[in-house]
Amino acid sequence: MQVLGYEVDTINSVQLSNHTQYDHFKGQVLNAEELRGVYDGLRLNKINNYSHLLTGYCGSESFLLEVVKVVKELKEVNPNLIYVCDPVMGDNGHFYVPEVLLPVYQKQLLPLADLITPNTFEAELLSGKKITNEAEALEAMQVLHDIGVKTVVLSSVDTDQDDKLITLATSVKDGKKTGCRIEFPKISCQFTGTGDLFTALLLVWTHKHPDNLQLACEKTLSSMQAVLSKTDKHAQALAGEGNKPNAFQRELRMVQSKGDIENPTLTVKGSPLS
């Protein structure tokens, strides 16, 4: 976001030596009281007027409940604030946060959100619907709209082709729903941090193209493809032929992809949903 010209105030929910796909990690987890302390500092100095808020991984119920309070307070300061919520709970059928967080997202955070970016598993949890194809994905997304979310972007949905994924995006404005479908290549490497990158890029491009969700998604995914392709190529070169790259070798090549983030070449093209 900063590369794209946005001033960002960051509050870490965790402060770790490295991400959790390494064999070992050390550090601290921010609790609800500490989040409140940081926010109160912003509030008391009257520097809590933001255009956007993005939330991602939250590891405890108490912390997430405090996030709900902060979102409400920020929306009181600026009623036009855009809240982008990445409801990080798990993937591939498995939770990696306490399951008690699910009803907090469903009942308290989603009604406050302007844009959400769940993966397939998270969309299933939030909507209560199983997703095995595009039609079911769109039904689940409608449930999320019914909760009150204006824009829903399902970041990756499996297709009947092993080397392809799709992103589905729908938005409701003035009672009218529009949307798009974007197919893109699946890179066969395990990455960490892709959801964070996807949501941050989407926040920027939806802000720059508020009336063109398809273009915003195309730019987001084109940057993603560039970053991941560079990362995969670099990781394989470090690992050597026939070897599987380790966590260090698979670290996203963000600095090396600065140009691809600033000015993405559109390598994926979407189509409107009928």
C-alpha atoms as a PDB file:
ATOM      1  CA  MET A   1       0.000   0.000   0.000  1.00  0.00           C
ATOM      2  CA  GLN A   2       2.849   2.388   0.793  1.00  0.00           C
ATOM      3  CA  VAL A   3       4.515   1.568  -2.529  1.00  0.00           C
ATOM      4  CA  LEU A   4       1.271   2.668  -4.190  1.00  0.00           C
ATOM      5  CA  GLY A   5       1.355   6.000  -2.364  1.00  0.00           C
ATOM      6  CA  TYR A   6      -0.834   5.359   0.681  1.00  0.00           C
ATOM      7  CA  GLU A   7       0.056   6.500   4.200  1.00  0.00           C
ATOM      8  CA  VAL A   8      -0.444   3.517   6.493  1.00  0.00           C
ATOM      9  CA  ASP A   9      -0.583   3.277  10.289  1.00  0.00           C
ATOM     10  CA  THR A  10       0.078  -0.366  11.161  1.00  0.00           C
ATOM     11  CA  ILE A  11      -0.944  -2.141  14.346  1.00  0.00           C
ATOM     12  CA  ASN A  12       0.435  -5.663  14.483  1.00  0.00           C
ATOM     13  CA  SER A  13      -1.819  -8.308  16.015  1.00  0.00           C
ATOM     14  CA  VAL A  14       1.334 -10.392  16.432  1.00  0.00           C
ATOM     15  CA  GLN A  15       5.034  -9.482  16.558  1.00  0.00           C
ATOM     16  CA  LEU A  16       6.946 -12.557  15.467  1.00  0.00           C
ATOM     17  CA  SER A  17      10.504 -13.385  14.456  1.00  0.00           C
ATOM     18  CA  ASN A  18       9.170 -14.903  11.225  1.00  0.00           C
ATOM     19  CA  HIS A  19       5.941 -16.353   9.859  1.00  0.00           C
ATOM     20  CA  THR A  20       4.574 -19.599  11.228  1.00  0.00           C
ATOM     21  CA  GLN A  21       5.470 -21.872   8.300  1.00  0.00           C
ATOM     22  CA  TYR A  22       9.030 -22.034   9.593  1.00  0.00           C
ATOM     23  CA  ASP A  23       9.949 -24.832  11.978  1.00  0.00           C
ATOM     24  CA  HIS A  24      10.280 -22.340  14.843  1.00  0.00           C
ATOM     25  CA  PHE A  25       8.944 -18.884  15.590  1.00  0.00           C
ATOM     26  CA  LYS A  26       9.172 -16.606  18.626  1.00  0.00           C
ATOM     27  CA  GLY A  27       7.485 -13.391  19.624  1.00  0.00           C
ATOM     28  CA  GLN A  28       4.424 -11.827  21.175  1.00  0.00           C
ATOM     29  CA  VAL A  29       0.691 -11.761  20.544  1.00  0.00           C
ATOM     30  CA  LEU A  30      -1.076  -8.436  21.070  1.00  0.00           C
ATOM     31  CA  ASN A  31      -4.001  -8.726  23.461  1.00  0.00           C
ATOM     32  CA  ALA A  32      -7.223  -6.701  23.580  1.00  0.00           C
ATOM     33  CA  GLU A  33      -5.958  -4.366  26.320  1.00  0.00           C
ATOM     34  CA  GLU A  34      -2.828  -3.560  24.323  1.00  0.00           C
ATOM     35  CA  LEU A  35      -4.867  -2.875  21.171  1.00  0.00           C
ATOM     36  CA  ARG A  36      -7.084  -0.537  23.173  1.00  0.00           C
ATOM     37  CA  GLY A  37      -4.019   1.258  24.529  1.00  0.00           C
ATOM     38  CA  VAL A  38      -2.609   1.876  21.049  1.00  0.00           C
ATOM     39  CA  TYR A  39      -5.967   3.053  19.711  1.00  0.00           C
ATOM     40  CA  ASP A  40      -6.579   5.318  22.700  1.00  0.00           C
ATOM     41  CA  GLY A  41      -3.279   7.051  21.943  1.00  0.00           C
ATOM     42  CA  LEU A  42      -4.531   7.812  18.433  1.00  0.00           C
ATOM     43  CA  ARG A  43      -7.917   8.908  19.771  1.00  0.00           C
ATOM     44  CA  LEU A  44      -6.562  11.209  22.472  1.00  0.00           C
ATOM     45  CA  ASN A  45      -4.311  12.951  19.974  1.00  0.00           C
ATOM     46  CA  LYS A  46      -7.234  13.244  17.522  1.00  0.00           C
ATOM     47  CA  ILE A  47      -5.280  11.441  14.795  1.00  0.00           C
ATOM     48  CA  ASN A  48      -7.837   8.674  14.343  1.00  0.00           C
ATOM     49  CA  ASN A  49      -9.607  10.030  11.247  1.00  0.00           C
ATOM     50  CA  TYR A  50      -8.953   7.457   8.522  1.00  0.00           C
ATOM     51  CA  SER A  51     -10.302   6.937   5.018  1.00  0.00           C
ATOM     52  CA  HIS A  52      -9.862   3.139   5.163  1.00  0.00           C
ATOM     53  CA  LEU A  53      -9.417   0.380   7.711  1.00  0.00           C
ATOM     54  CA  LEU A  54      -8.096  -3.073   6.888  1.00  0.00           C
ATOM     55  CA  THR A  55      -8.116  -5.983   9.328  1.00  0.00           C
ATOM     56  CA  GLY A  56      -6.621  -9.434   8.883  1.00  0.00           C
ATOM     57  CA  TYR A  57      -5.407 -12.168  11.222  1.00  0.00           C
ATOM     58  CA  CYS A  58      -6.748 -12.004  14.783  1.00  0.00           C
ATOM     59  CA  GLY A  59      -5.830 -14.861  17.074  1.00  0.00           C
ATOM     60  CA  SER A  60      -8.230 -14.542  20.016  1.00  0.00           C
ATOM     61  CA  GLU A  61     -11.883 -13.780  20.703  1.00  0.00           C
ATOM     62  CA  SER A  62     -11.100 -10.933  23.094  1.00  0.00           C
ATOM     63  CA  PHE A  63      -8.869  -9.243  20.518  1.00  0.00           C
ATOM     64  CA  LEU A  64     -11.479  -9.593  17.784  1.00  0.00           C
ATOM     65  CA  LEU A  65     -14.188  -8.181  20.045  1.00  0.00           C
ATOM     66  CA  GLU A  66     -11.958  -5.179  20.681  1.00  0.00           C
ATOM     67  CA  VAL A  67     -11.535  -4.820  16.908  1.00  0.00           C
ATOM     68  CA  VAL A  68     -15.333  -4.573  16.643  1.00  0.00           C
ATOM     69  CA  LYS A  69     -15.294  -1.675  19.108  1.00  0.00           C
ATOM     70  CA  VAL A  70     -12.479   0.091  17.251  1.00  0.00           C
ATOM     71  CA  VAL A  71     -14.249  -0.272  13.888  1.00  0.00           C
ATOM     72  CA  LYS A  72     -17.411   1.282  15.340  1.00  0.00           C
ATOM     73  CA  GLU A  73     -15.482   4.150  16.887  1.00  0.00           C
ATOM     74  CA  LEU A  74     -13.593   4.856  13.660  1.00  0.00           C
ATOM     75  CA  LYS A  75     -16.857   4.886  11.713  1.00  0.00           C
ATOM     76  CA  GLU A  76     -18.232   7.427  14.202  1.00  0.00           C
ATOM     77  CA  VAL A  77     -15.233   9.675  13.540  1.00  0.00           C
ATOM     78  CA  ASN A  78     -15.583   9.250   9.771  1.00  0.00           C
ATOM     79  CA  PRO A  79     -18.938   7.826   8.650  1.00  0.00           C
ATOM     80  CA  ASN A  80     -17.495   7.461   5.124  1.00  0.00           C
ATOM     81  CA  LEU A  81     -14.653   5.206   6.272  1.00  0.00           C
ATOM     82  CA  ILE A  82     -14.283   2.096   4.078  1.00  0.00           C
ATOM     83  CA  TYR A  83     -13.761  -1.024   6.175  1.00  0.00           C
ATOM     84  CA  VAL A  84     -12.029  -3.892   4.393  1.00  0.00           C
ATOM     85  CA  CYS A  85     -12.161  -7.164   6.325  1.00  0.00           C
ATOM     86  CA  ASP A  86     -10.078 -10.230   5.521  1.00  0.00           C
ATOM     87  CA  PRO A  87     -11.817 -12.791   7.770  1.00  0.00           C
ATOM     88  CA  VAL A  88      -8.758 -14.959   8.361  1.00  0.00           C
ATOM     89  CA  MET A  89      -9.897 -18.214   9.963  1.00  0.00           C
ATOM     90  CA  GLY A  90      -8.445 -21.122   8.003  1.00  0.00           C
ATOM     91  CA  ASP A  91      -8.050 -22.859   4.672  1.00  0.00           C
ATOM     92  CA  ASN A  92      -8.476 -26.231   3.015  1.00  0.00           C
ATOM     93  CA  GLY A  93     -11.051 -27.357   5.580  1.00  0.00           C
ATOM     94  CA  HIS A  94      -9.002 -26.511   8.672  1.00  0.00           C
ATOM     95  CA  PHE A  95      -9.225 -23.700  11.217  1.00  0.00           C
ATOM     96  CA  TYR A  96      -6.033 -21.976  12.309  1.00  0.00           C
ATOM     97  CA  VAL A  97      -7.780 -19.668  14.745  1.00  0.00           C
ATOM     98  CA  PRO A  98     -10.131 -20.596  17.617  1.00  0.00           C
ATOM     99  CA  GLU A  99     -13.545 -21.588  16.202  1.00  0.00           C
ATOM    100  CA  VAL A 100     -15.228 -19.194  18.654  1.00  0.00           C
ATOM    101  CA  LEU A 101     -14.147 -16.348  16.336  1.00  0.00           C
ATOM    102  CA  LEU A 102     -16.645 -17.431  13.670  1.00  0.00           C
ATOM    103  CA  PRO A 103     -19.823 -16.006  15.289  1.00  0.00           C
ATOM    104  CA  VAL A 104     -17.996 -12.743  16.057  1.00  0.00           C
ATOM    105  CA  TYR A 105     -17.243 -12.349  12.351  1.00  0.00           C
ATOM    106  CA  GLN A 106     -20.741 -13.427  11.310  1.00  0.00           C
ATOM    107  CA  LYS A 107     -22.785 -11.362  13.740  1.00  0.00           C
ATOM    108  CA  GLN A 108     -20.614  -8.368  14.581  1.00  0.00           C
ATOM    109  CA  LEU A 109     -17.845  -7.638  12.073  1.00  0.00           C
ATOM    110  CA  LEU A 110     -19.414  -8.518   8.713  1.00  0.00           C
ATOM    111  CA  PRO A 111     -22.360  -6.117   9.171  1.00  0.00           C
ATOM    112  CA  LEU A 112     -19.773  -3.338   9.583  1.00  0.00           C
ATOM    113  CA  ALA A 113     -17.667  -4.338   6.565  1.00  0.00           C
ATOM    114  CA  ASP A 114     -17.762  -2.639   3.176  1.00  0.00           C
ATOM    115  CA  LEU A 115     -15.564  -5.227   1.452  1.00  0.00           C
ATOM    116  CA  ILE A 116     -14.546  -8.743   2.502  1.00  0.00           C
ATOM    117  CA  THR A 117     -12.042 -11.165   0.961  1.00  0.00           C
ATOM    118  CA  PRO A 118     -12.687 -14.698   2.264  1.00  0.00           C
ATOM    119  CA  ASN A 119     -11.180 -17.805   0.720  1.00  0.00           C
ATOM    120  CA  THR A 120     -13.505 -20.683  -0.140  1.00  0.00           C
ATOM    121  CA  PHE A 121     -13.312 -22.306   3.299  1.00  0.00           C
ATOM    122  CA  GLU A 122     -13.961 -19.007   5.075  1.00  0.00           C
ATOM    123  CA  ALA A 123     -16.883 -18.204   2.758  1.00  0.00           C
ATOM    124  CA  GLU A 124     -18.395 -21.604   3.591  1.00  0.00           C
ATOM    125  CA  LEU A 125     -18.048 -20.926   7.312  1.00  0.00           C
ATOM    126  CA  LEU A 126     -19.470 -17.413   7.152  1.00  0.00           C
ATOM    127  CA  SER A 127     -22.402 -18.294   4.884  1.00  0.00           C
ATOM    128  CA  GLY A 128     -23.173 -21.759   6.241  1.00  0.00           C
ATOM    129  CA  LYS A 129     -23.174 -23.091   2.674  1.00  0.00           C
ATOM    130  CA  LYS A 130     -20.983 -25.747   1.076  1.00  0.00           C
ATOM    131  CA  ILE A 131     -19.086 -24.596  -2.022  1.00  0.00           C
ATOM    132  CA  THR A 132     -18.223 -27.187  -4.653  1.00  0.00           C
ATOM    133  CA  ASN A 133     -18.795 -25.138  -7.809  1.00  0.00           C
ATOM    134  CA  GLU A 134     -19.255 -21.573  -9.051  1.00  0.00           C
ATOM    135  CA  ALA A 135     -23.025 -21.549  -8.647  1.00  0.00           C
ATOM    136  CA  GLU A 136     -22.724 -22.548  -4.979  1.00  0.00           C
ATOM    137  CA  ALA A 137     -19.992 -19.941  -4.502  1.00  0.00           C
ATOM    138  CA  LEU A 138     -22.291 -17.219  -5.819  1.00  0.00           C
ATOM    139  CA  GLU A 139     -25.089 -18.415  -3.533  1.00  0.00           C
ATOM    140  CA  ALA A 140     -22.747 -18.198  -0.549  1.00  0.00           C
ATOM    141  CA  MET A 141     -21.662 -14.715  -1.601  1.00  0.00           C
ATOM    142  CA  GLN A 142     -25.302 -13.611  -1.716  1.00  0.00           C
ATOM    143  CA  VAL A 143     -25.737 -14.757   1.888  1.00  0.00           C
ATOM    144  CA  LEU A 144     -22.834 -12.482   2.817  1.00  0.00           C
ATOM    145  CA  HIS A 145     -24.442  -9.580   0.964  1.00  0.00           C
ATOM    146  CA  ASP A 146     -27.639 -10.267   2.883  1.00  0.00           C
ATOM    147  CA  ILE A 147     -25.689  -9.848   6.130  1.00  0.00           C
ATOM    148  CA  GLY A 148     -24.847  -6.333   4.981  1.00  0.00           C
ATOM    149  CA  VAL A 149     -21.528  -6.551   3.127  1.00  0.00           C
ATOM    150  CA  LYS A 150     -21.488  -4.308   0.047  1.00  0.00           C
ATOM    151  CA  THR A 151     -18.653  -6.025  -1.860  1.00  0.00           C
ATOM    152  CA  VAL A 152     -17.636  -9.664  -1.603  1.00  0.00           C
ATOM    153  CA  VAL A 153     -14.517 -10.967  -3.334  1.00  0.00           C
ATOM    154  CA  LEU A 154     -13.935 -14.701  -3.133  1.00  0.00           C
ATOM    155  CA  SER A 155     -10.187 -14.753  -3.591  1.00  0.00           C
ATOM    156  CA  SER A 156      -9.704 -18.237  -5.025  1.00  0.00           C
ATOM    157  CA  VAL A 157     -12.099 -20.969  -6.072  1.00  0.00           C
ATOM    158  CA  ASP A 158     -10.981 -24.321  -7.465  1.00  0.00           C
ATOM    159  CA  THR A 159     -11.997 -25.254 -10.998  1.00  0.00           C
ATOM    160  CA  ASP A 160     -12.189 -28.594 -12.793  1.00  0.00           C
ATOM    161  CA  GLN A 161      -8.670 -27.872 -14.082  1.00  0.00           C
ATOM    162  CA  ASP A 162      -5.792 -28.517 -11.683  1.00  0.00           C
ATOM    163  CA  ASP A 163      -3.751 -25.618 -13.084  1.00  0.00           C
ATOM    164  CA  LYS A 164      -6.487 -22.968 -12.888  1.00  0.00           C
ATOM    165  CA  LEU A 165      -8.209 -20.961 -10.156  1.00  0.00           C
ATOM    166  CA  ILE A 166     -10.912 -18.312 -10.326  1.00  0.00           C
ATOM    167  CA  THR A 167     -11.738 -15.186  -8.379  1.00  0.00           C
ATOM    168  CA  LEU A 168     -15.385 -14.193  -8.063  1.00  0.00           C
ATOM    169  CA  ALA A 169     -16.404 -10.665  -7.098  1.00  0.00           C
ATOM    170  CA  THR A 170     -19.854  -9.176  -6.563  1.00  0.00           C
ATOM    171  CA  SER A 171     -20.954  -5.747  -5.379  1.00  0.00           C
ATOM    172  CA  VAL A 172     -24.317  -4.281  -4.457  1.00  0.00           C
ATOM    173  CA  LYS A 173     -24.909  -0.559  -4.997  1.00  0.00           C
ATOM    174  CA  ASP A 174     -28.279   1.185  -4.907  1.00  0.00           C
ATOM    175  CA  GLY A 175     -29.976  -2.212  -4.882  1.00  0.00           C
ATOM    176  CA  LYS A 176     -28.253  -3.384  -8.063  1.00  0.00           C
ATOM    177  CA  LYS A 177     -25.756  -6.249  -8.023  1.00  0.00           C
ATOM    178  CA  THR A 178     -22.870  -6.479 -10.461  1.00  0.00           C
ATOM    179  CA  GLY A 179     -19.932  -8.833 -10.546  1.00  0.00           C
ATOM    180  CA  CYS A 180     -17.113 -10.470 -12.441  1.00  0.00           C
ATOM    181  CA  ARG A 181     -15.285 -13.743 -12.864  1.00  0.00           C
ATOM    182  CA  ILE A 182     -11.522 -13.937 -13.387  1.00  0.00           C
ATOM    183  CA  GLU A 183      -9.599 -17.114 -14.226  1.00  0.00           C
ATOM    184  CA  PHE A 184      -5.868 -17.250 -13.606  1.00  0.00           C
ATOM    185  CA  PRO A 185      -3.038 -19.821 -13.527  1.00  0.00           C
ATOM    186  CA  LYS A 186      -2.410 -21.796 -10.349  1.00  0.00           C
ATOM    187  CA  ILE A 187       1.258 -21.817  -9.355  1.00  0.00           C
ATOM    188  CA  SER A 188       2.188 -25.104  -7.689  1.00  0.00           C
ATOM    189  CA  CYS A 189       4.150 -23.732  -4.742  1.00  0.00           C
ATOM    190  CA  GLN A 190       3.134 -23.154  -1.136  1.00  0.00           C
ATOM    191  CA  PHE A 191       3.299 -19.447  -0.363  1.00  0.00           C
ATOM    192  CA  THR A 192       2.733 -17.522   2.866  1.00  0.00           C
ATOM    193  CA  GLY A 193       1.247 -14.036   3.003  1.00  0.00           C
ATOM    194  CA  THR A 194      -0.686 -14.157  -0.267  1.00  0.00           C
ATOM    195  CA  GLY A 195      -4.000 -13.326   1.412  1.00  0.00           C
ATOM    196  CA  ASP A 196      -2.512 -10.256   3.079  1.00  0.00           C
ATOM    197  CA  LEU A 197      -1.056  -9.073  -0.223  1.00  0.00           C
ATOM    198  CA  PHE A 198      -4.286  -9.732  -2.116  1.00  0.00           C
ATOM    199  CA  THR A 199      -6.448  -7.755   0.305  1.00  0.00           C
ATOM    200  CA  ALA A 200      -4.044  -4.816   0.559  1.00  0.00           C
ATOM    201  CA  LEU A 201      -3.787  -4.524  -3.232  1.00  0.00           C
ATOM    202  CA  LEU A 202      -7.546  -4.842  -3.629  1.00  0.00           C
ATOM    203  CA  LEU A 203      -8.145  -2.046  -1.123  1.00  0.00           C
ATOM    204  CA  VAL A 204      -5.923   0.254  -3.181  1.00  0.00           C
ATOM    205  CA  TRP A 205      -7.318  -0.635  -6.598  1.00  0.00           C
ATOM    206  CA  THR A 206     -10.958  -0.480  -5.499  1.00  0.00           C
ATOM    207  CA  HIS A 207     -10.212   2.976  -4.112  1.00  0.00           C
ATOM    208  CA  LYS A 208      -8.585   4.061  -7.380  1.00  0.00           C
ATOM    209  CA  HIS A 209     -11.368   2.451  -9.478  1.00  0.00           C
ATOM    210  CA  PRO A 210     -14.457   2.733  -7.262  1.00  0.00           C
ATOM    211  CA  ASP A 211     -16.876   2.069 -10.119  1.00  0.00           C
ATOM    212  CA  ASN A 212     -14.935  -0.722 -11.831  1.00  0.00           C
ATOM    213  CA  LEU A 213     -14.627  -3.763  -9.589  1.00  0.00           C
ATOM    214  CA  GLN A 214     -13.488  -5.942 -12.488  1.00  0.00           C
ATOM    215  CA  LEU A 215     -10.524  -3.698 -13.310  1.00  0.00           C
ATOM    216  CA  ALA A 216      -9.580  -3.492  -9.634  1.00  0.00           C
ATOM    217  CA  CYS A 217      -9.549  -7.292  -9.423  1.00  0.00           C
ATOM    218  CA  GLU A 218      -7.613  -7.616 -12.694  1.00  0.00           C
ATOM    219  CA  LYS A 219      -4.885  -5.266 -11.446  1.00  0.00           C
ATOM    220  CA  THR A 220      -4.766  -7.020  -8.074  1.00  0.00           C
ATOM    221  CA  LEU A 221      -4.451 -10.478  -9.601  1.00  0.00           C
ATOM    222  CA  SER A 222      -1.950  -9.349 -12.235  1.00  0.00           C
ATOM    223  CA  SER A 223       0.345  -8.027  -9.500  1.00  0.00           C
ATOM    224  CA  MET A 224      -0.204 -11.217  -7.514  1.00  0.00           C
ATOM    225  CA  GLN A 225       0.746 -13.378 -10.490  1.00  0.00           C
ATOM    226  CA  ALA A 226       3.918 -11.352 -11.045  1.00  0.00           C
ATOM    227  CA  VAL A 227       4.983 -11.561  -7.390  1.00  0.00           C
ATOM    228  CA  LEU A 228       4.252 -15.277  -7.107  1.00  0.00           C
ATOM    229  CA  SER A 229       5.923 -16.149 -10.408  1.00  0.00           C
ATOM    230  CA  LYS A 230       9.084 -14.307  -9.347  1.00  0.00           C
ATOM    231  CA  THR A 231       8.952 -15.971  -5.941  1.00  0.00           C
ATOM    232  CA  ASP A 232       8.463 -19.442  -7.401  1.00  0.00           C
ATOM    233  CA  LYS A 233      11.323 -19.018  -9.883  1.00  0.00           C
ATOM    234  CA  HIS A 234      13.646 -17.696  -7.172  1.00  0.00           C
ATOM    235  CA  ALA A 235      12.674 -20.439  -4.707  1.00  0.00           C
ATOM    236  CA  GLN A 236      13.260 -23.220  -7.210  1.00  0.00           C
ATOM    237  CA  ALA A 237      16.656 -21.772  -8.147  1.00  0.00           C
ATOM    238  CA  LEU A 238      17.727 -21.675  -4.493  1.00  0.00           C
ATOM    239  CA  ALA A 239      16.409 -25.163  -3.746  1.00  0.00           C
ATOM    240  CA  GLY A 240      18.045 -26.758  -6.769  1.00  0.00           C
ATOM    241  CA  GLU A 241      16.582 -29.073  -9.353  1.00  0.00           C
ATOM    242  CA  GLY A 242      14.405 -31.800  -7.889  1.00  0.00           C
ATOM    243  CA  ASN A 243      14.328 -30.269  -4.392  1.00  0.00           C
ATOM    244  CA  LYS A 244      11.346 -28.732  -2.628  1.00  0.00           C
ATOM    245  CA  PRO A 245      11.909 -25.083  -1.570  1.00  0.00           C
ATOM    246  CA  ASN A 246      11.837 -24.418   2.169  1.00  0.00           C
ATOM    247  CA  ALA A 247      10.038 -21.596   3.988  1.00  0.00           C
ATOM    248  CA  PHE A 248      12.946 -19.173   3.685  1.00  0.00           C
ATOM    249  CA  GLN A 249      13.347 -19.818  -0.024  1.00  0.00           C
ATOM    250  CA  ARG A 250       9.603 -19.247  -0.570  1.00  0.00           C
ATOM    251  CA  GLU A 251       9.525 -15.791   1.055  1.00  0.00           C
ATOM    252  CA  LEU A 252       7.563 -13.465  -1.230  1.00  0.00           C
ATOM    253  CA  ARG A 253       9.826 -11.391  -3.497  1.00  0.00           C
ATOM    254  CA  MET A 254       8.156  -8.113  -2.624  1.00  0.00           C
ATOM    255  CA  VAL A 255      11.063  -5.714  -3.107  1.00  0.00           C
ATOM    256  CA  GLN A 256      11.998  -7.365  -6.385  1.00  0.00           C
ATOM    257  CA  SER A 257       8.373  -6.964  -7.534  1.00  0.00           C
ATOM    258  CA  LYS A 258       8.058  -3.248  -6.729  1.00  0.00           C
ATOM    259  CA  GLY A 259       7.460  -2.319 -10.357  1.00  0.00           C
ATOM    260  CA  ASP A 260       4.836  -5.040 -10.780  1.00  0.00           C
ATOM    261  CA  ILE A 261       2.973  -3.648  -7.783  1.00  0.00           C
ATOM    262  CA  GLU A 262       3.168  -0.013  -8.861  1.00  0.00           C
ATOM    263  CA  ASN A 263       2.295  -0.562 -12.519  1.00  0.00           C
ATOM    264  CA  PRO A 264       0.873  -4.045 -13.076  1.00  0.00           C
ATOM    265  CA  THR A 265       0.790  -5.372 -16.606  1.00  0.00           C
ATOM    266  CA  LEU A 266      -2.682  -6.854 -17.061  1.00  0.00           C
ATOM    267  CA  THR A 267      -1.918 -10.533 -17.519  1.00  0.00           C
ATOM    268  CA  VAL A 268      -5.367 -11.729 -16.480  1.00  0.00           C
ATOM    269  CA  LYS A 269      -8.696 -10.622 -17.881  1.00  0.00           C
ATOM    270  CA  GLY A 270     -12.087 -11.042 -16.311  1.00  0.00           C
ATOM    271  CA  SER A 271     -15.598 -11.161 -17.646  1.00  0.00           C
ATOM    272  CA  PRO A 272     -18.836  -9.757 -16.221  1.00  0.00           C
ATOM    273  CA  LEU A 273     -21.167 -12.124 -14.436  1.00  0.00           C
ATOM    274  CA  SER A 274     -24.444 -12.519 -16.267  1.00  0.00           C
END
